């Protein structure tokens, strides 16, 4: 199995922890029509900060994110892709909403022990919401773009 498939997980961590974003570290109190929805958004108390961070991330994409976006925007893989999208209390790099597939492009800091722990917590939560997360490194996107897109097509 190749490295891209080994990076396939069922769900990942935002660049800021909940505590760093000013959150309480408690689970979102969303109830009623918002609980468990595929389009569920963040706790209203944190949403504006997340929205501001997502906008900043869209304006300041990494080179790998920019290349990936150029390949998937406009429905080029058969479905619309959203970038830096808020799900719950997290910002995901790319979301294919129709198939509930999230693509994360991981830079070097994702290989630190703390970030790997945070990513695992985030992944677990996203999986519980019904998402599948595929993770690629910056290097995979920059140096093996064809394989990245082929692996993505397999899960869409």
N, C-alpha and C. Protein backbone atom coordinates (compact mmCIF):
# COMPACT_ATOMS: atom_id res chain seq x y z
N UNK A 1 0.86 -1.18 0.00
CA UNK A 1 0.00 0.00 0.00
C UNK A 1 0.90 1.24 0.00
N UNK A 2 0.58 2.23 -0.80
CA UNK A 2 1.45 3.39 -0.90
C UNK A 2 1.24 4.36 0.27
N UNK A 3 2.14 5.34 0.37
CA UNK A 3 2.11 6.28 1.49
C UNK A 3 0.83 7.09 1.53
N UNK A 4 0.27 7.44 0.37
CA UNK A 4 -0.97 8.22 0.35
C UNK A 4 -2.09 7.45 1.00
N UNK A 5 -2.20 6.16 0.71
CA UNK A 5 -3.27 5.37 1.30
C UNK A 5 -3.03 5.18 2.79
N UNK A 6 -1.78 5.12 3.23
CA UNK A 6 -1.50 5.04 4.65
C UNK A 6 -1.92 6.31 5.36
N UNK A 7 -1.99 7.40 4.63
CA UNK A 7 -2.42 8.66 5.20
C UNK A 7 -3.92 8.80 5.20
N UNK A 8 -4.63 7.85 4.66
CA UNK A 8 -6.08 7.89 4.65
C UNK A 8 -6.57 7.51 6.04
N UNK A 9 -7.32 8.41 6.64
CA UNK A 9 -7.92 8.13 7.94
C UNK A 9 -9.36 8.52 7.88
N UNK A 10 -10.10 8.09 8.84
CA UNK A 10 -11.51 8.43 8.89
C UNK A 10 -11.66 9.70 9.72
N UNK A 11 -11.28 10.83 9.35
CA UNK A 11 -11.45 12.11 9.98
C UNK A 11 -10.16 12.91 10.23
N UNK A 12 -9.18 14.84 11.44
CA UNK A 12 -7.88 15.55 11.63
C UNK A 12 -7.90 16.72 12.61
N UNK A 13 -6.67 18.02 12.93
CA UNK A 13 -6.75 19.10 13.91
C UNK A 13 -6.61 20.45 13.25
N UNK A 14 -7.36 21.41 13.74
CA UNK A 14 -7.20 22.75 13.19
C UNK A 14 -5.87 23.30 13.64
N UNK A 15 -5.45 24.41 13.07
CA UNK A 15 -4.16 24.96 13.42
C UNK A 15 -4.13 25.49 14.84
N UNK A 16 -5.27 25.80 15.41
CA UNK A 16 -5.35 26.25 16.79
C UNK A 16 -6.19 25.26 17.59
N UNK A 17 -5.73 24.96 18.82
CA UNK A 17 -6.55 24.10 19.66
C UNK A 17 -7.77 24.88 20.13
N UNK A 18 -8.76 24.17 20.65
CA UNK A 18 -9.97 24.82 21.15
C UNK A 18 -9.61 25.84 22.22
N UNK A 19 -8.67 25.47 23.11
CA UNK A 19 -8.26 26.40 24.16
C UNK A 19 -7.56 27.63 23.58
N UNK A 20 -6.70 27.41 22.56
CA UNK A 20 -6.00 28.53 21.93
C UNK A 20 -6.97 29.46 21.21
N UNK A 21 -8.11 28.92 20.74
CA UNK A 21 -9.12 29.74 20.09
C UNK A 21 -9.99 30.45 21.10
N UNK A 22 -9.74 30.23 22.39
CA UNK A 22 -10.54 30.88 23.42
C UNK A 22 -11.72 30.04 23.86
N UNK A 23 -11.78 28.79 23.42
CA UNK A 23 -12.88 27.92 23.81
C UNK A 23 -12.64 27.31 25.17
N UNK A 24 -13.66 26.68 25.69
CA UNK A 24 -13.60 26.11 27.03
C UNK A 24 -13.00 24.72 27.04
N UNK A 25 -12.86 24.10 25.89
CA UNK A 25 -12.40 22.72 25.85
C UNK A 25 -13.54 21.74 26.02
N UNK A 26 -14.75 22.26 26.21
CA UNK A 26 -15.93 21.41 26.35
C UNK A 26 -16.52 21.14 24.98
N UNK A 27 -17.32 20.08 24.89
CA UNK A 27 -17.98 19.77 23.63
C UNK A 27 -19.01 20.83 23.29
N UNK A 28 -19.23 21.02 22.02
CA UNK A 28 -20.20 21.99 21.54
C UNK A 28 -21.59 21.67 22.08
N UNK A 29 -22.32 22.69 22.54
CA UNK A 29 -23.65 22.46 23.09
C UNK A 29 -24.75 22.45 22.04
N UNK A 30 -24.40 22.32 20.77
CA UNK A 30 -25.41 22.35 19.73
C UNK A 30 -26.44 21.25 19.94
N UNK A 31 -27.69 21.62 19.78
CA UNK A 31 -28.78 20.66 19.99
C UNK A 31 -29.80 20.79 18.88
N UNK A 32 -30.84 20.00 18.98
CA UNK A 32 -31.94 20.10 18.03
C UNK A 32 -31.50 19.84 16.61
N UNK A 33 -31.95 20.70 15.70
CA UNK A 33 -31.68 20.47 14.28
C UNK A 33 -30.21 20.56 13.93
N UNK A 34 -29.37 21.14 14.81
CA UNK A 34 -27.95 21.29 14.51
C UNK A 34 -27.13 20.06 14.89
N UNK A 35 -27.55 19.29 15.90
CA UNK A 35 -26.75 18.17 16.37
C UNK A 35 -26.69 17.08 15.31
N UNK A 36 -25.45 16.69 14.95
CA UNK A 36 -25.25 15.58 14.03
C UNK A 36 -25.50 15.90 12.56
N UNK A 37 -25.80 17.13 12.24
CA UNK A 37 -26.05 17.49 10.85
C UNK A 37 -24.76 17.52 10.06
N UNK A 38 -24.82 17.11 8.81
CA UNK A 38 -23.63 17.13 7.96
C UNK A 38 -23.11 18.54 7.79
N UNK A 39 -23.99 19.52 7.89
CA UNK A 39 -23.58 20.90 7.68
C UNK A 39 -23.43 21.64 9.00
N UNK A 40 -23.46 20.89 10.11
CA UNK A 40 -23.39 21.51 11.43
C UNK A 40 -22.19 22.45 11.50
N UNK A 41 -22.41 23.59 12.08
CA UNK A 41 -21.34 24.56 12.19
C UNK A 41 -20.92 24.70 13.64
N UNK A 42 -20.00 25.58 13.89
CA UNK A 42 -19.40 25.73 15.21
C UNK A 42 -20.38 26.29 16.23
N UNK A 43 -20.00 26.09 17.47
CA UNK A 43 -20.68 26.74 18.57
C UNK A 43 -20.74 28.23 18.24
N UNK A 44 -21.91 28.86 18.34
CA UNK A 44 -22.03 30.27 17.98
C UNK A 44 -21.02 31.18 18.69
N UNK A 45 -20.59 30.78 19.88
CA UNK A 45 -19.62 31.59 20.62
C UNK A 45 -18.25 31.60 19.93
N UNK A 46 -17.94 30.56 19.17
CA UNK A 46 -16.63 30.45 18.53
C UNK A 46 -16.68 30.69 17.03
N UNK A 47 -17.87 30.74 16.46
CA UNK A 47 -18.01 30.77 15.00
C UNK A 47 -17.30 31.96 14.36
N UNK A 48 -17.47 33.15 14.90
CA UNK A 48 -16.87 34.33 14.27
C UNK A 48 -15.35 34.24 14.22
N UNK A 49 -14.73 33.73 15.28
CA UNK A 49 -13.28 33.57 15.28
C UNK A 49 -12.85 32.52 14.26
N UNK A 50 -13.59 31.41 14.20
CA UNK A 50 -13.28 30.39 13.21
C UNK A 50 -13.43 30.93 11.79
N UNK A 51 -14.49 31.70 11.56
CA UNK A 51 -14.73 32.27 10.23
C UNK A 51 -13.59 33.20 9.83
N UNK A 52 -13.13 34.01 10.76
CA UNK A 52 -12.01 34.92 10.50
C UNK A 52 -10.74 34.12 10.18
N UNK A 53 -10.49 33.06 10.95
CA UNK A 53 -9.31 32.22 10.70
C UNK A 53 -9.41 31.53 9.34
N UNK A 54 -10.60 31.04 8.99
CA UNK A 54 -10.79 30.37 7.70
C UNK A 54 -10.52 31.33 6.55
N UNK A 55 -11.02 32.56 6.67
CA UNK A 55 -10.75 33.57 5.62
C UNK A 55 -9.26 33.82 5.47
N UNK A 56 -8.58 33.96 6.60
CA UNK A 56 -7.13 34.17 6.57
C UNK A 56 -6.40 33.00 5.93
N UNK A 57 -6.84 31.79 6.25
CA UNK A 57 -6.23 30.60 5.66
C UNK A 57 -6.45 30.54 4.15
N UNK A 58 -7.63 30.97 3.70
CA UNK A 58 -7.90 30.97 2.25
C UNK A 58 -7.02 31.98 1.53
N UNK A 59 -6.76 33.11 2.17
CA UNK A 59 -5.93 34.15 1.56
C UNK A 59 -4.44 33.80 1.60
N UNK A 60 -4.05 32.95 2.53
CA UNK A 60 -2.63 32.64 2.75
C UNK A 60 -2.37 31.14 2.67
N UNK A 61 -2.80 30.52 1.59
CA UNK A 61 -2.60 29.08 1.43
C UNK A 61 -1.11 28.77 1.27
N UNK A 62 -0.74 27.57 1.72
CA UNK A 62 0.61 27.10 1.47
C UNK A 62 0.74 26.78 -0.02
N UNK A 63 1.97 26.59 -0.47
CA UNK A 63 2.17 26.24 -1.88
C UNK A 63 1.44 24.94 -2.22
N UNK A 64 1.53 23.96 -1.33
CA UNK A 64 0.86 22.67 -1.58
C UNK A 64 -0.65 22.84 -1.62
N UNK A 65 -1.22 23.61 -0.70
CA UNK A 65 -2.66 23.84 -0.71
C UNK A 65 -3.10 24.56 -1.99
N UNK A 66 -2.30 25.53 -2.41
CA UNK A 66 -2.62 26.27 -3.63
C UNK A 66 -2.62 25.36 -4.86
N UNK A 67 -1.64 24.49 -4.95
CA UNK A 67 -1.58 23.55 -6.08
C UNK A 67 -2.77 22.60 -6.03
N UNK A 68 -3.06 22.05 -4.85
CA UNK A 68 -4.19 21.13 -4.71
C UNK A 68 -5.48 21.83 -5.11
N UNK A 69 -5.69 23.05 -4.61
CA UNK A 69 -6.90 23.81 -4.93
C UNK A 69 -7.04 24.03 -6.43
N UNK A 70 -5.94 24.34 -7.10
CA UNK A 70 -6.01 24.57 -8.55
C UNK A 70 -6.46 23.31 -9.29
N UNK A 71 -6.22 22.15 -8.71
CA UNK A 71 -6.59 20.89 -9.35
C UNK A 71 -8.02 20.45 -9.06
N UNK A 72 -8.60 20.93 -7.97
CA UNK A 72 -9.93 20.43 -7.57
C UNK A 72 -11.04 21.46 -7.66
N UNK A 73 -10.70 22.74 -7.81
CA UNK A 73 -11.75 23.76 -7.82
C UNK A 73 -12.60 23.64 -9.08
N UNK A 74 -13.79 24.16 -8.99
CA UNK A 74 -14.69 24.16 -10.14
C UNK A 74 -15.30 22.82 -10.47
N UNK A 75 -15.27 21.90 -9.51
CA UNK A 75 -15.90 20.60 -9.75
C UNK A 75 -15.15 19.71 -10.71
N UNK A 76 -13.85 19.92 -10.85
CA UNK A 76 -13.08 19.16 -11.84
C UNK A 76 -13.03 17.66 -11.55
N UNK A 77 -13.35 17.25 -10.32
CA UNK A 77 -13.37 15.82 -10.00
C UNK A 77 -14.80 15.29 -9.89
N UNK A 78 -15.74 16.04 -10.45
CA UNK A 78 -17.12 15.58 -10.47
C UNK A 78 -17.98 16.08 -9.33
N UNK A 79 -17.40 16.81 -8.40
CA UNK A 79 -18.19 17.41 -7.34
C UNK A 79 -17.47 18.64 -6.80
N UNK A 80 -18.25 19.51 -6.23
CA UNK A 80 -17.74 20.77 -5.71
C UNK A 80 -16.84 20.53 -4.50
N UNK A 81 -15.78 21.30 -4.43
CA UNK A 81 -14.86 21.24 -3.30
C UNK A 81 -14.87 22.60 -2.60
N UNK A 82 -14.95 22.58 -1.29
CA UNK A 82 -14.87 23.79 -0.49
C UNK A 82 -13.52 23.80 0.21
N UNK A 83 -12.93 24.97 0.37
CA UNK A 83 -11.64 25.04 1.06
C UNK A 83 -11.78 25.81 2.36
N UNK A 84 -11.00 25.42 3.35
CA UNK A 84 -10.99 26.04 4.66
C UNK A 84 -12.43 26.18 5.17
N UNK A 85 -13.09 25.06 5.30
CA UNK A 85 -14.50 25.01 5.67
C UNK A 85 -14.66 24.64 7.14
N UNK A 86 -15.59 25.31 7.80
CA UNK A 86 -15.85 25.07 9.21
C UNK A 86 -16.80 23.89 9.36
N UNK A 87 -16.39 22.92 10.17
CA UNK A 87 -17.24 21.79 10.56
C UNK A 87 -17.11 21.67 12.07
N UNK A 88 -18.22 21.82 12.77
CA UNK A 88 -18.15 21.80 14.23
C UNK A 88 -17.25 22.93 14.70
N UNK A 89 -16.29 22.59 15.52
CA UNK A 89 -15.35 23.59 16.03
C UNK A 89 -14.00 23.53 15.31
N UNK A 90 -13.99 22.99 14.10
CA UNK A 90 -12.76 22.82 13.35
C UNK A 90 -12.84 23.46 11.98
N UNK A 91 -11.67 23.79 11.44
CA UNK A 91 -11.55 24.25 10.06
C UNK A 91 -10.82 23.14 9.31
N UNK A 92 -11.47 22.59 8.29
CA UNK A 92 -10.82 21.54 7.49
C UNK A 92 -10.23 22.18 6.24
N UNK A 93 -9.15 21.61 5.74
CA UNK A 93 -8.50 22.20 4.57
C UNK A 93 -9.41 22.18 3.35
N UNK A 94 -9.93 21.00 3.00
CA UNK A 94 -10.78 20.86 1.81
C UNK A 94 -11.90 19.88 2.13
N UNK A 95 -13.11 20.20 1.66
CA UNK A 95 -14.26 19.34 1.89
C UNK A 95 -14.99 19.08 0.58
N UNK A 96 -15.20 17.81 0.30
CA UNK A 96 -16.08 17.39 -0.79
C UNK A 96 -17.37 17.00 -0.09
N UNK A 97 -18.28 17.95 0.02
CA UNK A 97 -19.47 17.78 0.85
C UNK A 97 -20.35 16.62 0.38
N UNK A 98 -20.51 16.48 -0.92
CA UNK A 98 -21.40 15.43 -1.46
C UNK A 98 -20.99 14.04 -0.98
N UNK A 99 -19.70 13.75 -0.99
CA UNK A 99 -19.22 12.43 -0.57
C UNK A 99 -18.71 12.42 0.87
N UNK A 100 -18.79 13.56 1.56
CA UNK A 100 -18.34 13.70 2.95
C UNK A 100 -16.87 13.28 3.11
N UNK A 101 -16.05 13.71 2.14
CA UNK A 101 -14.62 13.44 2.18
C UNK A 101 -13.88 14.74 2.48
N UNK A 102 -13.01 14.68 3.46
CA UNK A 102 -12.17 15.81 3.84
C UNK A 102 -10.74 15.49 3.42
N UNK A 103 -10.07 16.45 2.81
CA UNK A 103 -8.66 16.29 2.46
C UNK A 103 -7.86 17.29 3.29
N UNK A 104 -6.87 16.78 3.99
CA UNK A 104 -5.97 17.62 4.77
C UNK A 104 -4.58 17.54 4.15
N UNK A 105 -3.96 18.70 3.99
CA UNK A 105 -2.60 18.79 3.48
C UNK A 105 -1.72 19.14 4.67
N UNK A 106 -0.89 18.20 5.10
CA UNK A 106 -0.13 18.35 6.34
C UNK A 106 1.29 18.85 6.11
N UNK A 107 1.60 19.95 6.77
CA UNK A 107 2.96 20.47 6.81
C UNK A 107 3.73 19.81 7.94
N UNK A 108 4.96 20.24 8.14
CA UNK A 108 5.86 19.62 9.11
C UNK A 108 5.37 19.61 10.54
N UNK A 109 4.64 20.63 10.96
CA UNK A 109 4.22 20.67 12.37
C UNK A 109 3.23 19.56 12.71
N UNK A 110 2.64 18.93 11.71
CA UNK A 110 1.73 17.82 11.97
C UNK A 110 2.47 16.57 12.43
N UNK A 111 3.78 16.59 12.38
CA UNK A 111 4.56 15.43 12.79
C UNK A 111 5.07 15.55 14.22
N UNK A 112 4.71 16.64 14.92
CA UNK A 112 5.05 16.76 16.33
C UNK A 112 4.10 15.90 17.15
N UNK A 113 4.56 15.45 18.30
CA UNK A 113 3.74 14.57 19.14
C UNK A 113 2.43 15.25 19.54
N UNK A 114 2.50 16.51 19.96
CA UNK A 114 1.29 17.22 20.39
C UNK A 114 0.30 17.36 19.24
N UNK A 115 0.78 17.73 18.08
CA UNK A 115 -0.13 17.91 16.95
C UNK A 115 -0.73 16.59 16.50
N UNK A 116 0.04 15.51 16.57
CA UNK A 116 -0.51 14.21 16.22
C UNK A 116 -1.62 13.81 17.18
N UNK A 117 -1.45 14.13 18.47
CA UNK A 117 -2.51 13.86 19.45
C UNK A 117 -3.74 14.69 19.15
N UNK A 118 -3.54 15.99 18.88
CA UNK A 118 -4.66 16.87 18.54
C UNK A 118 -5.36 16.40 17.26
N UNK A 119 -4.57 15.99 16.28
CA UNK A 119 -5.14 15.49 15.02
C UNK A 119 -5.99 14.25 15.25
N UNK A 120 -5.54 13.37 16.14
CA UNK A 120 -6.29 12.14 16.43
C UNK A 120 -7.64 12.46 17.08
N UNK A 121 -7.66 13.42 17.99
CA UNK A 121 -8.92 13.82 18.63
C UNK A 121 -9.87 14.39 17.58
N UNK A 122 -9.34 15.24 16.75
CA UNK A 122 -10.15 15.85 15.70
C UNK A 122 -10.66 14.79 14.72
N UNK A 123 -9.79 13.88 14.33
CA UNK A 123 -10.18 12.80 13.42
C UNK A 123 -11.32 12.00 14.01
N UNK A 124 -11.20 11.63 15.26
CA UNK A 124 -12.25 10.84 15.91
C UNK A 124 -13.58 11.57 15.87
N UNK A 125 -13.56 12.87 16.15
CA UNK A 125 -14.81 13.63 16.15
C UNK A 125 -15.41 13.69 14.74
N UNK A 126 -14.58 13.95 13.74
CA UNK A 126 -15.07 14.03 12.37
C UNK A 126 -15.64 12.69 11.90
N UNK A 127 -15.01 11.60 12.28
CA UNK A 127 -15.52 10.28 11.92
C UNK A 127 -16.89 10.06 12.56
N UNK A 128 -17.03 10.47 13.80
CA UNK A 128 -18.33 10.34 14.47
C UNK A 128 -19.42 11.13 13.75
N UNK A 129 -19.02 12.17 13.03
CA UNK A 129 -19.99 12.96 12.28
C UNK A 129 -20.24 12.39 10.89
N UNK A 130 -19.54 11.31 10.54
CA UNK A 130 -19.78 10.65 9.26
C UNK A 130 -18.82 11.03 8.14
N UNK A 131 -17.72 11.71 8.47
CA UNK A 131 -16.75 12.11 7.45
C UNK A 131 -15.62 11.10 7.33
N UNK A 132 -15.00 11.08 6.17
CA UNK A 132 -13.77 10.34 5.95
C UNK A 132 -12.70 11.37 5.62
N UNK A 133 -11.54 11.24 6.26
CA UNK A 133 -10.48 12.21 6.03
C UNK A 133 -9.30 11.53 5.38
N UNK A 134 -8.81 12.13 4.33
CA UNK A 134 -7.61 11.67 3.64
C UNK A 134 -6.54 12.72 3.89
N UNK A 135 -5.38 12.26 4.30
CA UNK A 135 -4.30 13.18 4.62
C UNK A 135 -3.12 12.94 3.69
N UNK A 136 -2.62 14.03 3.15
CA UNK A 136 -1.42 14.00 2.33
C UNK A 136 -0.42 14.98 2.92
N UNK A 137 0.85 14.71 2.75
CA UNK A 137 1.88 15.65 3.18
C UNK A 137 2.06 16.72 2.09
N UNK A 138 2.66 17.83 2.49
CA UNK A 138 3.00 18.86 1.50
C UNK A 138 3.84 18.24 0.39
N UNK A 139 4.81 17.41 0.77
CA UNK A 139 5.71 16.81 -0.21
C UNK A 139 4.97 15.94 -1.22
N UNK A 140 3.98 15.18 -0.76
CA UNK A 140 3.21 14.36 -1.69
C UNK A 140 2.50 15.23 -2.72
N UNK A 141 1.90 16.32 -2.26
CA UNK A 141 1.17 17.20 -3.18
C UNK A 141 2.14 17.87 -4.15
N UNK A 142 3.28 18.31 -3.65
CA UNK A 142 4.24 19.02 -4.49
C UNK A 142 4.99 18.10 -5.46
N UNK A 143 5.28 16.86 -5.04
CA UNK A 143 6.16 16.00 -5.84
C UNK A 143 5.46 14.82 -6.50
N UNK A 144 4.25 14.49 -6.07
CA UNK A 144 3.56 13.32 -6.61
C UNK A 144 2.08 13.64 -6.82
N UNK A 145 1.84 14.76 -7.48
CA UNK A 145 0.48 15.29 -7.65
C UNK A 145 -0.45 14.30 -8.33
N UNK A 146 0.02 13.64 -9.37
CA UNK A 146 -0.84 12.69 -10.09
C UNK A 146 -1.34 11.58 -9.17
N UNK A 147 -0.46 11.04 -8.34
CA UNK A 147 -0.85 9.98 -7.42
C UNK A 147 -1.83 10.50 -6.37
N UNK A 148 -1.62 11.71 -5.88
CA UNK A 148 -2.54 12.31 -4.90
C UNK A 148 -3.95 12.38 -5.50
N UNK A 149 -4.06 12.89 -6.70
CA UNK A 149 -5.38 13.01 -7.34
C UNK A 149 -5.97 11.63 -7.62
N UNK A 150 -5.16 10.68 -8.05
CA UNK A 150 -5.66 9.32 -8.28
C UNK A 150 -6.18 8.69 -7.00
N UNK A 151 -5.47 8.87 -5.89
CA UNK A 151 -5.92 8.32 -4.61
C UNK A 151 -7.22 8.99 -4.17
N UNK A 152 -7.33 10.28 -4.40
CA UNK A 152 -8.55 11.00 -4.05
C UNK A 152 -9.74 10.50 -4.87
N UNK A 153 -9.52 10.31 -6.14
CA UNK A 153 -10.61 9.80 -7.02
C UNK A 153 -11.16 8.47 -6.52
N UNK A 154 -10.31 7.64 -5.94
CA UNK A 154 -10.74 6.33 -5.45
C UNK A 154 -11.76 6.43 -4.32
N UNK A 155 -11.72 7.51 -3.56
CA UNK A 155 -12.63 7.63 -2.41
C UNK A 155 -13.79 8.57 -2.64
N UNK A 156 -13.76 9.31 -3.74
CA UNK A 156 -14.88 10.23 -4.02
C UNK A 156 -16.07 9.49 -4.60
